[in-house]
Amino acid sequence: MIKKKILLNVLAMLDNKIGLRQGYIMASIGNSQENSSDIRTFGGIDKANMSADIKRLRDRSLISIRPSEEDRRFSVLRLTKDGKDLLKILSSR
C-alpha cells in the first residue's frame, strides 16, 4: 500500500512538472518550515539547486518570497493559493 501511495505521488508530481526537490520544498513550506536556509540544510540541497528550484516555483506562482523580519539575510517562503492547491493534489494521491 505504501509503495502504491509513493508511486501515485511521484506520478502526480510528474503530471504537474514538479521535481522531487521542488515537491520537498513545497511540502516543507506547507508544514510551516518557511526559512529557506533551514529547508536547504534539512533537505541536503546545495545552494545552487535550492536557488534554481525556488526560482522555478516562484516563476510558476506556487510560492512567494519575502525577506525575514527577524533576520534580513534569510528569505521566508510561503505557498501561494496555487501552491496550496497543488500541494493538496500531490498529497491526496
Protein backbone atom coordinates (compact mmCIF):
# COMPACT_ATOMS: atom_id res chain seq x y z
CA MET A 1 0.00 0.00 0.00
CA ILE A 2 2.80 2.43 0.89
CA LYS A 3 4.61 1.71 -2.39
CA LYS A 4 1.42 2.41 -4.32
CA LYS A 5 0.92 5.74 -2.49
CA ILE A 6 4.53 6.76 -3.18
CA LEU A 7 4.15 5.82 -6.84
CA LEU A 8 0.94 7.83 -7.14
CA ASN A 9 2.60 10.84 -5.51
CA VAL A 10 5.54 10.64 -7.90
CA LEU A 11 3.17 10.34 -10.86
CA ALA A 12 1.23 13.38 -9.65
CA MET A 13 4.49 15.31 -9.42
CA LEU A 14 5.42 14.29 -12.95
CA ASP A 15 1.96 15.26 -14.23
CA ASN A 16 2.39 18.70 -12.71
CA LYS A 17 6.03 19.07 -13.77
CA ILE A 18 7.25 19.26 -10.19
CA GLY A 19 10.64 17.72 -9.42
CA LEU A 20 11.33 15.80 -6.23
CA ARG A 21 13.31 18.66 -4.70
CA GLN A 22 10.57 21.13 -5.62
CA GLY A 23 7.99 18.80 -4.08
CA TYR A 24 10.10 18.57 -0.94
CA ILE A 25 10.40 22.36 -0.78
CA MET A 26 6.65 22.81 -1.21
CA ALA A 27 5.88 20.16 1.42
CA SER A 28 8.33 21.79 3.84
CA ILE A 29 6.71 25.18 3.34
CA GLY A 30 3.29 23.57 3.75
CA ASN A 31 4.45 22.15 7.08
CA SER A 32 5.33 25.64 8.37
CA GLN A 33 9.05 25.44 7.63
CA GLU A 34 9.37 28.79 5.91
CA ASN A 35 13.08 29.59 6.26
CA SER A 36 14.84 28.75 3.00
CA SER A 37 18.12 28.10 4.79
CA ASP A 38 16.53 25.51 7.11
CA ILE A 39 14.79 23.78 4.21
CA ARG A 40 18.08 23.63 2.31
CA THR A 41 20.01 22.30 5.31
CA PHE A 42 17.47 19.67 6.39
CA GLY A 43 16.90 18.55 2.80
CA GLY A 44 20.60 18.35 1.96
CA ILE A 45 20.08 20.67 -1.01
CA ASP A 46 23.04 22.71 -2.23
CA LYS A 47 22.66 26.47 -2.65
CA ALA A 48 22.65 26.43 -6.46
CA ASN A 49 19.89 23.81 -6.72
CA MET A 50 17.86 25.46 -3.97
CA SER A 51 18.05 28.84 -5.73
CA ALA A 52 17.06 27.31 -9.07
CA ASP A 53 14.14 25.40 -7.56
CA ILE A 54 12.88 28.43 -5.67
CA LYS A 55 13.06 30.48 -8.86
CA ARG A 56 11.08 27.83 -10.79
CA LEU A 57 8.42 27.63 -8.08
CA ARG A 58 8.17 31.43 -7.87
CA ASP A 59 8.01 31.76 -11.67
CA ARG A 60 5.07 29.33 -11.64
CA SER A 61 3.42 31.42 -8.89
CA LEU A 62 3.48 28.46 -6.50
CA ILE A 63 5.45 30.25 -3.78
CA SER A 64 6.09 33.80 -2.66
CA ILE A 65 9.35 35.06 -1.21
CA ARG A 66 9.98 37.91 1.19
CA PRO A 67 12.85 38.89 3.48
CA SER A 68 12.61 37.61 7.04
CA GLU A 69 11.52 40.25 9.53
CA GLU A 70 13.80 38.68 12.16
CA ASP A 71 16.92 38.38 10.01
CA ARG A 72 17.03 40.09 6.63
CA ARG A 73 19.78 37.72 5.44
CA PHE A 74 17.17 34.99 5.13
CA SER A 75 14.11 34.63 2.96
CA VAL A 76 10.70 33.49 4.14
CA LEU A 77 8.89 31.24 1.69
CA ARG A 78 5.12 30.88 1.59
CA LEU A 79 2.83 28.83 -0.60
CA THR A 80 0.51 30.87 -2.79
CA LYS A 81 -3.09 29.78 -3.30
CA ASP A 82 -1.99 27.89 -6.42
CA GLY A 83 0.84 26.30 -4.44
CA LYS A 84 -1.54 25.20 -1.67
CA ASP A 85 -3.94 23.77 -4.24
CA LEU A 86 -1.16 21.84 -5.96
CA LEU A 87 0.22 20.55 -2.65
CA LYS A 88 -3.26 19.23 -1.80
CA ILE A 89 -3.36 17.41 -5.14
CA LEU A 90 0.13 15.97 -4.62
CA SER A 91 -0.57 14.81 -1.06
CA SER A 92 -4.05 13.43 -1.72
CA ARG A 93 -2.88 10.64 -4.00
